[in-house]
Amino acid sequence: MVQKNYTNIDELVKKHKKSTSVSRPKESEPIPRAKEKYEIKEVVELQPEEEVKPFVQPRPETIELPSDLKKMGIQPATTTQFPSYQNIKLPISDDKIIAGLNQPITSSIRWLATLALYILRQAHLVLKVIHGKVVRVISG
């Protein structure tokens, strides 16, 4: 005779399925759309100010190569060594990023705030709270 090492709970499971409704976890809830717009900007060459223009001669980042070098297959580098990025827009405001970093690890706002902080760090920016206001500071 085979002895069972467990108690059969099939009847309890069927009874529980009929009486309980299952809700979606917080991470799968739809995110309300904010009024903020997303803007993607390209790298822009720095233009000198009007006061400095007479004393500075701007040079384009792309160098015109002589024809003999072009025949050899050399191409000019199109990426700048010191790009200046402008208007970094994030899906949430800087205040919400700081508040989101203090949320529990299971919260979706914590993950979004961490992603936004990562994007800012890629652009060499850091968020600091100065006198109760959140300020973007260039990291060095």
C-alpha atoms as a PDB file:
ATOM      1  CA  MET A   1       0.000   0.000   0.000  1.00  0.00           C
ATOM      2  CA  VAL A   2       1.343   3.454  -1.026  1.00  0.00           C
ATOM      3  CA  GLN A   3       1.190   6.089   1.653  1.00  0.00           C
ATOM      4  CA  LYS A   4       0.525   9.754   0.647  1.00  0.00           C
ATOM      5  CA  ASN A   5       2.824  12.367   2.179  1.00  0.00           C
ATOM      6  CA  TYR A   6       0.462  15.283   1.622  1.00  0.00           C
ATOM      7  CA  THR A   7      -3.055  16.428   2.294  1.00  0.00           C
ATOM      8  CA  ASN A   8      -5.249  16.854  -0.765  1.00  0.00           C
ATOM      9  CA  ILE A   9      -6.331  20.522  -1.063  1.00  0.00           C
ATOM     10  CA  ASP A  10      -8.037  20.453  -4.468  1.00  0.00           C
ATOM     11  CA  GLU A  11     -11.429  21.276  -2.934  1.00  0.00           C
ATOM     12  CA  LEU A  12     -10.004  24.291  -1.095  1.00  0.00           C
ATOM     13  CA  VAL A  13      -8.369  25.607  -4.266  1.00  0.00           C
ATOM     14  CA  LYS A  14     -11.602  25.339  -6.267  1.00  0.00           C
ATOM     15  CA  LYS A  15     -13.525  27.091  -3.492  1.00  0.00           C
ATOM     16  CA  HIS A  16     -10.909  29.864  -3.228  1.00  0.00           C
ATOM     17  CA  LYS A  17     -10.819  30.479  -7.033  1.00  0.00           C
ATOM     18  CA  LYS A  18     -14.567  31.122  -7.124  1.00  0.00           C
ATOM     19  CA  SER A  19     -14.558  33.634  -4.255  1.00  0.00           C
ATOM     20  CA  THR A  20     -11.397  35.661  -4.973  1.00  0.00           C
ATOM     21  CA  SER A  21     -10.695  38.109  -7.775  1.00  0.00           C
ATOM     22  CA  VAL A  22      -7.116  38.723  -8.774  1.00  0.00           C
ATOM     23  CA  SER A  23      -5.850  42.265  -9.266  1.00  0.00           C
ATOM     24  CA  ARG A  24      -2.856  43.294 -11.317  1.00  0.00           C
ATOM     25  CA  PRO A  25       0.407  43.983  -9.488  1.00  0.00           C
ATOM     26  CA  LYS A  26       1.536  47.579  -9.211  1.00  0.00           C
ATOM     27  CA  GLU A  27       4.321  47.180 -11.771  1.00  0.00           C
ATOM     28  CA  SER A  28       1.823  46.262 -14.500  1.00  0.00           C
ATOM     29  CA  GLU A  29      -0.600  49.120 -13.843  1.00  0.00           C
ATOM     30  CA  PRO A  30      -0.843  51.644 -16.676  1.00  0.00           C
ATOM     31  CA  ILE A  31       1.248  54.779 -16.204  1.00  0.00           C
ATOM     32  CA  PRO A  32      -0.733  58.028 -16.453  1.00  0.00           C
ATOM     33  CA  ARG A  33       0.472  60.193 -19.295  1.00  0.00           C
ATOM     34  CA  ALA A  34       2.142  63.383 -18.110  1.00  0.00           C
ATOM     35  CA  LYS A  35       1.881  66.694 -19.901  1.00  0.00           C
ATOM     36  CA  GLU A  36       5.644  66.808 -20.399  1.00  0.00           C
ATOM     37  CA  LYS A  37       6.860  66.433 -23.977  1.00  0.00           C
ATOM     38  CA  TYR A  38       9.858  64.406 -24.993  1.00  0.00           C
ATOM     39  CA  GLU A  39      12.468  66.240 -27.020  1.00  0.00           C
ATOM     40  CA  ILE A  40      15.552  64.707 -28.545  1.00  0.00           C
ATOM     41  CA  LYS A  41      18.290  67.123 -29.487  1.00  0.00           C
ATOM     42  CA  GLU A  42      21.403  66.572 -31.527  1.00  0.00           C
ATOM     43  CA  VAL A  43      24.931  67.589 -30.669  1.00  0.00           C
ATOM     44  CA  VAL A  44      25.427  71.281 -31.426  1.00  0.00           C
ATOM     45  CA  GLU A  45      28.704  73.052 -32.034  1.00  0.00           C
ATOM     46  CA  LEU A  46      29.368  75.847 -29.581  1.00  0.00           C
ATOM     47  CA  GLN A  47      28.842  79.277 -31.108  1.00  0.00           C
ATOM     48  CA  PRO A  48      30.817  82.183 -29.578  1.00  0.00           C
ATOM     49  CA  GLU A  49      28.914  84.977 -27.855  1.00  0.00           C
ATOM     50  CA  GLU A  50      28.604  88.418 -29.470  1.00  0.00           C
ATOM     51  CA  GLU A  51      31.095  89.977 -27.013  1.00  0.00           C
ATOM     52  CA  VAL A  52      33.767  87.383 -27.813  1.00  0.00           C
ATOM     53  CA  LYS A  53      33.221  87.090 -31.599  1.00  0.00           C
ATOM     54  CA  PRO A  54      35.775  89.778 -32.610  1.00  0.00           C
ATOM     55  CA  PHE A  55      38.507  88.005 -30.634  1.00  0.00           C
ATOM     56  CA  VAL A  56      37.743  84.378 -31.496  1.00  0.00           C
ATOM     57  CA  GLN A  57      37.848  82.639 -34.829  1.00  0.00           C
ATOM     58  CA  PRO A  58      35.462  79.659 -34.853  1.00  0.00           C
ATOM     59  CA  ARG A  59      36.619  76.510 -36.634  1.00  0.00           C
ATOM     60  CA  PRO A  60      34.273  73.865 -37.992  1.00  0.00           C
ATOM     61  CA  GLU A  61      34.552  70.430 -36.407  1.00  0.00           C
ATOM     62  CA  THR A  62      34.714  68.628 -39.772  1.00  0.00           C
ATOM     63  CA  ILE A  63      37.998  69.255 -41.578  1.00  0.00           C
ATOM     64  CA  GLU A  64      38.100  69.448 -45.371  1.00  0.00           C
ATOM     65  CA  LEU A  65      40.642  66.854 -46.531  1.00  0.00           C
ATOM     66  CA  PRO A  66      42.840  67.302 -49.596  1.00  0.00           C
ATOM     67  CA  SER A  67      41.918  65.233 -52.656  1.00  0.00           C
ATOM     68  CA  ASP A  68      45.033  63.018 -52.493  1.00  0.00           C
ATOM     69  CA  LEU A  69      44.098  61.914 -48.961  1.00  0.00           C
ATOM     70  CA  LYS A  70      40.520  61.242 -50.076  1.00  0.00           C
ATOM     71  CA  LYS A  71      41.867  58.996 -52.864  1.00  0.00           C
ATOM     72  CA  MET A  72      43.737  56.980 -50.230  1.00  0.00           C
ATOM     73  CA  GLY A  73      40.400  56.321 -48.490  1.00  0.00           C
ATOM     74  CA  ILE A  74      40.779  58.611 -45.492  1.00  0.00           C
ATOM     75  CA  GLN A  75      37.525  60.121 -44.220  1.00  0.00           C
ATOM     76  CA  PRO A  76      37.087  63.057 -41.824  1.00  0.00           C
ATOM     77  CA  ALA A  77      35.868  62.280 -38.317  1.00  0.00           C
ATOM     78  CA  THR A  78      32.353  63.616 -37.878  1.00  0.00           C
ATOM     79  CA  THR A  79      32.045  63.254 -34.102  1.00  0.00           C
ATOM     80  CA  THR A  80      33.162  66.080 -31.880  1.00  0.00           C
ATOM     81  CA  GLN A  81      35.536  65.512 -29.034  1.00  0.00           C
ATOM     82  CA  PHE A  82      33.754  68.006 -26.761  1.00  0.00           C
ATOM     83  CA  PRO A  83      30.069  67.975 -27.658  1.00  0.00           C
ATOM     84  CA  SER A  84      27.627  70.321 -25.961  1.00  0.00           C
ATOM     85  CA  TYR A  85      24.279  68.672 -25.401  1.00  0.00           C
ATOM     86  CA  GLN A  86      21.218  70.836 -25.046  1.00  0.00           C
ATOM     87  CA  ASN A  87      17.721  70.401 -23.611  1.00  0.00           C
ATOM     88  CA  ILE A  88      17.819  66.975 -22.005  1.00  0.00           C
ATOM     89  CA  LYS A  89      14.154  66.165 -21.368  1.00  0.00           C
ATOM     90  CA  LEU A  90      13.267  63.262 -19.108  1.00  0.00           C
ATOM     91  CA  PRO A  91       9.936  61.450 -18.663  1.00  0.00           C
ATOM     92  CA  ILE A  92       9.621  62.860 -15.117  1.00  0.00           C
ATOM     93  CA  SER A  93      10.710  66.093 -13.460  1.00  0.00           C
ATOM     94  CA  ASP A  94      13.897  66.419 -11.419  1.00  0.00           C
ATOM     95  CA  ASP A  95      11.888  66.732  -8.182  1.00  0.00           C
ATOM     96  CA  LYS A  96      10.111  63.450  -8.919  1.00  0.00           C
ATOM     97  CA  ILE A  97      13.456  61.767  -9.629  1.00  0.00           C
ATOM     98  CA  ILE A  98      14.792  62.687  -6.183  1.00  0.00           C
ATOM     99  CA  ALA A  99      11.510  61.628  -4.537  1.00  0.00           C
ATOM    100  CA  GLY A 100      11.450  58.385  -6.553  1.00  0.00           C
ATOM    101  CA  LEU A 101      14.922  57.377  -5.416  1.00  0.00           C
ATOM    102  CA  ASN A 102      13.601  57.177  -1.836  1.00  0.00           C
ATOM    103  CA  GLN A 103      10.769  54.777  -2.779  1.00  0.00           C
ATOM    104  CA  PRO A 104      10.942  51.011  -2.135  1.00  0.00           C
ATOM    105  CA  ILE A 105      12.842  48.901  -4.673  1.00  0.00           C
ATOM    106  CA  THR A 106       9.610  47.189  -5.804  1.00  0.00           C
ATOM    107  CA  SER A 107       8.026  50.488  -6.810  1.00  0.00           C
ATOM    108  CA  SER A 108       7.879  51.344 -10.510  1.00  0.00           C
ATOM    109  CA  ILE A 109       8.617  55.025  -9.815  1.00  0.00           C
ATOM    110  CA  ARG A 110      11.934  53.944  -8.246  1.00  0.00           C
ATOM    111  CA  TRP A 111      12.934  52.156 -11.462  1.00  0.00           C
ATOM    112  CA  LEU A 112      11.910  55.135 -13.613  1.00  0.00           C
ATOM    113  CA  ALA A 113      13.842  57.533 -11.355  1.00  0.00           C
ATOM    114  CA  THR A 114      16.916  55.289 -11.544  1.00  0.00           C
ATOM    115  CA  LEU A 115      16.684  55.214 -15.348  1.00  0.00           C
ATOM    116  CA  ALA A 116      16.350  59.022 -15.495  1.00  0.00           C
ATOM    117  CA  LEU A 117      19.362  59.399 -13.196  1.00  0.00           C
ATOM    118  CA  TYR A 118      21.337  57.056 -15.481  1.00  0.00           C
ATOM    119  CA  ILE A 119      20.425  59.181 -18.519  1.00  0.00           C
ATOM    120  CA  LEU A 120      21.592  62.316 -16.706  1.00  0.00           C
ATOM    121  CA  ARG A 121      24.871  60.675 -15.713  1.00  0.00           C
ATOM    122  CA  GLN A 122      25.497  59.705 -19.342  1.00  0.00           C
ATOM    123  CA  ALA A 123      25.211  63.425 -20.155  1.00  0.00           C
ATOM    124  CA  HIS A 124      27.639  64.230 -17.280  1.00  0.00           C
ATOM    125  CA  LEU A 125      24.925  65.804 -15.135  1.00  0.00           C
ATOM    126  CA  VAL A 126      24.121  65.195 -11.480  1.00  0.00           C
ATOM    127  CA  LEU A 127      21.091  66.211  -9.421  1.00  0.00           C
ATOM    128  CA  LYS A 128      21.754  68.053  -6.151  1.00  0.00           C
ATOM    129  CA  VAL A 129      19.327  69.448  -3.602  1.00  0.00           C
ATOM    130  CA  ILE A 130      20.377  73.010  -2.723  1.00  0.00           C
ATOM    131  CA  HIS A 131      18.217  74.982  -0.269  1.00  0.00           C
ATOM    132  CA  GLY A 132      15.267  72.679  -0.932  1.00  0.00           C
ATOM    133  CA  LYS A 133      15.459  72.997  -4.725  1.00  0.00           C
ATOM    134  CA  VAL A 134      16.711  70.328  -7.114  1.00  0.00           C
ATOM    135  CA  VAL A 135      19.479  71.652  -9.391  1.00  0.00           C
ATOM    136  CA  ARG A 136      21.319  70.001 -12.297  1.00  0.00           C
ATOM    137  CA  VAL A 137      25.095  70.286 -11.879  1.00  0.00           C
ATOM    138  CA  ILE A 138      27.779  69.327 -14.388  1.00  0.00           C
ATOM    139  CA  SER A 139      29.860  66.494 -12.982  1.00  0.00           C
ATOM    140  CA  GLY A 140      33.580  66.589 -13.475  1.00  0.00           C
END
